[in-house]
Amino acid sequence: MTAQGYERISAPFRTEKRRKLLNWVNSLLTALCYGAYPACLAVLAVRRDPRLVRSVLVPAVSFLLLSAYRNLHNEKRPYEVLDICPLIRKDAKGKSFPSRHVFSVFVISMTFLWLLPPLGAVFLVMGVGLALCRVIGGVHWPRDVIVGAAVGILSGIVGFWFV
């Protein structure tokens, strides 16, 4: 993506009202996912559901491995490389690849898909929305969110259906 490419995809969101909407959707999708997951774990714990252990371990181990890779790789964010003003405010330097926000939503979506498929499908759609927000917002490259989503999905498939 170039600065001109970013300006093109973000242009519809450059009004104050739409920028606020983009930031609100980004925050809402993140909060819904990060709130629903611990609530789900609490329900599993109260019910003494044996799926609790796997529901904790698969996302946790995957998150730690992805974070270790990201720290070693340390790719710059679009606003560090391009001459752009991101629509989502973020001061972080580096650690752009892959997107941990998008990874987290997708691995949590896979957890829900394993436990309750209709809810998992809703969260997968939310993950796509979050990925779009992160790119349009200028805080991630398209490859960051694509790889984050793919690793989250793959982690879920391996952890919930093949291990």
Foldseek 3Di string as FASTA:
>chain_A
DAQVVLCVLLVVQPDPVSLVVLQVLLVVLLCVLVVVLVVVLVVCVVVVPPCSVLSPPLLVVLLVVQQVVLVVVFAFFQVVPHVDDFSHDDDDGTSQAADSSLLNLQLSLLSCCLVPNVSSVVSLVSSVSNLSSCSSRRGHDNNNNVVSNVSSNVSSCCSRPPD
